[in-house]
Protein backbone atom coordinates (compact mmCIF):
# COMPACT_ATOMS: atom_id res chain seq x y z
CA MET A 1 0.24 -0.81 -10.58
CA THR A 2 1.43 -4.05 -12.41
CA ARG A 3 3.18 -7.36 -11.85
CA ALA A 4 6.61 -7.60 -11.76
CA SER A 5 9.12 -10.54 -11.77
CA GLU A 6 12.50 -10.21 -10.34
CA ASP A 7 15.18 -10.92 -12.80
CA ARG A 8 17.83 -10.98 -10.26
CA ALA A 9 17.86 -12.00 -6.81
CA ASP A 10 19.35 -8.90 -5.71
CA GLY A 11 16.67 -6.91 -7.26
CA SER A 12 19.28 -5.09 -9.48
CA SER A 13 16.96 -5.30 -12.51
CA VAL A 14 13.35 -6.17 -12.71
CA ALA A 15 11.52 -7.42 -15.70
CA PHE A 16 7.70 -6.37 -16.31
CA ASP A 17 4.77 -8.38 -17.48
CA ALA A 18 3.94 -7.13 -20.75
CA ALA A 19 0.56 -8.32 -20.61
CA CYS A 20 0.02 -5.91 -17.58
CA VAL A 21 1.87 -2.71 -18.91
CA THR A 22 3.93 -1.70 -21.56
CA ILE A 23 6.99 0.58 -20.17
CA GLY A 24 6.96 3.91 -21.62
CA SER A 25 3.10 3.81 -22.96
CA ALA A 26 0.55 6.48 -22.25
CA GLY A 27 2.67 9.03 -22.80
CA ILE A 28 4.55 8.62 -19.39
CA PRO A 29 7.94 7.31 -20.06
CA VAL A 30 9.99 5.71 -17.10
CA ASN A 31 13.64 7.57 -16.89
CA PRO A 32 16.54 6.93 -14.76
CA GLY A 33 15.96 8.79 -11.61
CA ASP A 34 12.14 7.81 -11.26
CA LEU A 35 10.99 5.93 -8.17
CA ILE A 36 9.06 2.58 -7.96
CA MET A 37 7.71 0.97 -4.78
CA PHE A 38 7.55 -2.67 -4.91
CA SER A 39 4.94 -4.57 -2.65
CA ASN A 40 4.22 -8.03 -1.71
CA ALA A 41 3.20 -10.04 1.16
CA ASN A 42 6.57 -9.55 2.82
CA GLY A 43 6.50 -5.81 2.86
CA LYS A 44 7.36 -2.80 0.66
CA ALA A 45 10.65 -1.31 -0.94
CA LEU A 46 11.21 1.82 -2.71
CA GLN A 47 13.85 1.74 -5.30
CA VAL A 48 15.34 4.26 -7.85
CA VAL A 49 15.34 3.36 -11.49
CA THR A 50 19.06 3.58 -12.91
CA SER A 51 18.47 2.20 -16.34
CA VAL A 52 15.79 1.40 -18.77
CA SER A 53 15.96 -1.36 -21.47
CA GLY A 54 12.60 -2.48 -23.11
CA GLN A 55 10.46 -3.94 -20.48
CA THR A 56 13.40 -4.26 -17.87
CA LEU A 57 14.20 -1.51 -15.32
CA GLY A 58 17.76 -1.39 -13.64
CA PHE A 59 17.99 -0.68 -9.96
CA SER A 60 21.93 -0.39 -9.54
CA SER A 61 23.37 0.64 -6.33
CA GLY A 62 24.93 4.17 -5.82
CA ASP A 63 21.92 5.83 -6.63
CA ALA A 64 21.09 9.53 -5.64
CA PHE A 65 18.78 8.58 -3.05
CA HIS A 66 21.14 5.50 -1.96
CA LEU A 67 18.06 3.04 -1.69
CA ASN A 68 19.21 0.50 -4.06
CA GLY A 69 21.43 -2.44 -3.12
CA ILE A 70 20.97 -1.96 0.62
CA THR A 71 21.13 -5.34 2.49
CA SER A 72 22.10 -4.10 5.97
CA ALA A 73 18.91 -2.30 7.12
CA ASN A 74 16.16 -4.14 9.08
CA GLY A 75 13.39 -3.51 6.46
CA GLY A 76 12.32 -1.87 3.53
CA THR A 77 14.77 -3.27 1.09
CA ILE A 78 14.48 -5.55 -1.73
CA LYS A 79 15.93 -8.31 0.40
CA TYR A 80 13.02 -8.17 2.87
CA LEU A 81 10.55 -8.83 0.12
CA GLN A 82 12.10 -12.37 -0.71
CA ASN A 83 10.60 -15.55 0.17
CA THR A 84 12.30 -17.13 3.42
CA THR A 85 12.66 -20.18 5.36
CA VAL A 86 13.22 -20.37 9.30
CA ASN A 87 15.47 -22.89 10.97
CA ALA A 88 13.18 -24.41 13.53
CA SER A 89 15.85 -25.17 15.90
CA THR A 90 17.84 -21.65 15.84
CA GLY A 91 15.07 -19.63 14.44
CA VAL A 92 17.72 -18.17 11.89
CA VAL A 93 15.86 -16.78 8.99
CA THR A 94 17.24 -17.46 5.37
CA TYR A 95 16.48 -15.52 2.22
CA LEU A 96 15.93 -17.73 -0.65
CA GLY A 97 16.62 -15.07 -3.42
CA THR A 98 13.05 -15.90 -4.79
CA TYR A 99 10.09 -13.58 -4.66
CA PRO A 100 6.24 -13.93 -4.30
CA GLN A 101 3.89 -12.13 -6.97
CA THR A 102 4.97 -8.58 -6.45
CA SER A 103 3.25 -5.42 -7.46
CA ALA A 104 4.91 -2.12 -8.50
CA THR A 105 3.71 1.32 -7.98
CA ARG A 106 5.19 4.35 -9.44
CA ILE A 107 6.04 6.96 -6.93
CA TRP A 108 6.13 10.73 -7.72
CA MET A 109 8.47 12.80 -5.37
CA VAL A 110 7.94 16.52 -6.24
CA SER A 111 10.27 19.07 -4.69
CA TYR A 112 10.22 22.79 -4.77
CA TRP A 113 12.79 25.29 -3.70
CA LEU A 114 14.18 28.68 -4.26
CA ASP A 115 17.20 28.93 -6.77
CA ASN A 116 19.57 31.77 -5.95
CA VAL A 117 22.03 30.47 -7.98
CA THR A 118 21.13 30.47 -11.74
CA ASP A 119 19.97 34.24 -11.32
CA PRO A 120 20.89 35.70 -8.03
CA ILE A 121 19.11 38.94 -8.85
CA HIS A 122 15.81 37.17 -9.82
CA ILE A 123 15.46 34.32 -7.52
CA ARG A 124 13.20 31.72 -9.11
CA LEU A 125 10.96 28.90 -7.88
CA ASP A 126 12.02 25.35 -9.01
CA ARG A 127 10.09 22.38 -9.36
CA ALA A 128 11.73 18.84 -9.81
CA VAL A 129 9.94 15.60 -10.08
CA ASN A 130 12.04 12.79 -8.56
CA PHE A 131 15.92 13.30 -9.78
CA ASN A 132 14.73 14.61 -13.12
CA ALA A 133 15.94 18.08 -14.33
CA PRO A 134 14.17 20.93 -12.38
CA GLN A 135 11.95 23.41 -14.19
CA PRO A 136 11.47 27.01 -13.21
CA VAL A 137 7.69 27.74 -12.45
CA GLY A 138 7.98 31.27 -10.85
CA GLU A 139 10.47 34.18 -11.02
CA THR A 140 11.46 36.70 -8.55
CA LEU A 141 10.44 35.06 -5.19
CA GLU A 142 11.75 36.16 -1.87
CA ASN A 143 10.29 33.67 0.54
CA LEU A 144 9.10 30.27 0.52
CA GLN A 145 7.78 28.51 3.77
CA PHE A 146 6.15 25.32 4.53
CA THR A 147 4.90 24.40 7.97
CA PHE A 148 2.89 21.55 9.25
CA ASN A 149 -0.51 20.76 11.16
CA PHE A 150 -0.89 17.71 13.00
CA ASN A 151 -3.90 15.60 13.66
CA ASP A 152 -4.73 16.41 17.35
CA GLY A 153 -4.90 20.36 16.18
CA ILE A 154 -2.64 21.39 18.86
CA ALA A 155 0.83 21.09 17.05
CA VAL A 156 0.01 23.39 14.31
CA ASN A 157 2.55 25.60 11.96
CA GLU A 158 5.23 23.27 13.05
CA LEU A 159 8.45 23.57 10.93
CA THR A 160 9.59 20.11 11.86
CA VAL A 161 8.09 16.89 13.50
CA PRO A 162 7.81 17.61 17.02
CA THR A 163 9.09 15.21 19.73
CA GLY A 164 6.22 12.68 20.40
CA TYR A 165 4.88 12.83 16.84
CA SER A 166 5.36 11.31 13.48
CA GLU A 167 5.26 12.22 9.81
CA SER A 168 2.13 9.76 9.55
CA GLN A 169 0.29 12.19 11.66
CA ILE A 170 0.54 15.32 9.41
CA ARG A 171 -2.85 16.34 8.14
CA SER A 172 -2.36 19.52 6.18
CA VAL A 173 0.58 21.69 5.05
CA ASN A 174 0.51 25.55 5.26
CA LEU A 175 2.44 27.31 2.36
CA PHE A 176 3.56 31.03 2.29
CA MET A 177 5.26 32.55 -0.48
CA SER A 178 6.27 36.17 -1.20
CA THR A 179 7.14 37.60 -4.72
CA ARG A 180 8.22 40.89 -6.13
CA SER A 181 8.42 42.67 -9.55
CA THR A 182 11.49 42.01 -11.77
CA SER A 183 12.28 45.82 -11.60
CA MET A 184 11.80 48.77 -9.64
CA LEU A 185 8.68 50.66 -10.56
CA GLY A 186 7.35 54.15 -10.75
CA GLN A 187 8.94 57.39 -9.53
CA THR A 188 9.83 55.91 -6.09
CA LYS A 189 11.89 53.20 -7.84
CA GLN A 190 10.46 50.60 -5.47
CA TYR A 191 9.76 46.83 -6.09
CA ALA A 192 5.83 45.80 -5.91
CA ARG A 193 5.35 43.01 -3.68
CA GLU A 194 2.82 40.30 -3.26
CA ASN A 195 2.28 37.56 -0.58
CA PHE A 196 0.41 34.36 -0.96
CA GLN A 197 -0.74 31.86 1.86
CA THR A 198 -2.82 28.70 1.40
CA GLN A 199 -3.45 25.50 3.13
CA LEU A 200 -2.97 22.08 1.48
CA SER A 201 -4.62 18.92 2.59
CA LEU A 202 -3.00 15.68 2.30
CA ARG A 203 -4.91 13.28 0.09
CA SER A 204 -6.13 10.18 2.24
CA MET A 205 -4.86 11.87 5.58
CA ALA A 206 -6.78 14.90 6.21
CA TYR A 207 -10.41 13.10 6.20
CA VAL A 208 -11.05 10.87 9.07
CA ASN A 209 -14.39 9.03 9.56
CA ARG A 210 -15.24 10.16 13.27
CA TYR A 211 -18.27 7.80 13.51
CA GLN A 212 -16.26 4.42 13.42
C-alpha cells in the first residue's frame, strides 16, 4: 500500500509518491492489465492499469474489465473518491475534481480454467494473473469444478450464490479435479485416471471469533 496523488481529476492517470514506493521495484513490475484498488475516506475504487511510465500509471477507459472511466455508477468509481461540496438548499452534491489523501493497494485476480483449444486432445489447466498472458500449470485434465460453502453451514457445495445469500458469506471453496494419462497404457490400451479433491479456506473469511 502506498500514497497516490491524482494527476488528473478523472483518475485516468495517477502519479505515485517516490518516497513511498518505486514502481517496478522488488522484482514485481506493474504491467498493463494489473489491478489497483484506490481507497480514501470517501470509499474504494478498483481500476485497471493501461500504461506505465516511470512513477505514473495510466487508467484509460476501454479496459478489459470495463472499470476505468465509469461515471454513471452510484459508487465504486474514481469519481466517488473525490472531495465534494453539498448545496445546503437543494442537497445537490458537486464533485470537485480533487482528492483527499488516497492509498493504493495492488489486487491479484488469479483465474484457472480448462483450455481445450490449444491442444484439444490434451486439455490443460491454465492459470492467469489479472489480464496477463495465461500459463499452463497442468496437462490432460478432464474435469475441474468449484463449489462454495457459506457461513451458516446450510448452503454448502453451491455452484452459485443462492437466493438470500451474498458473496461475502462464502467461507470456503471445494475444488474437484480429475486427470488422465497423456496416452493409453498397457495391453488394455486404457487411460490411467486420478481424481483430486480438497477444500480451501478463504483468508480473513473462514475464521470467526465466536466469543464476541
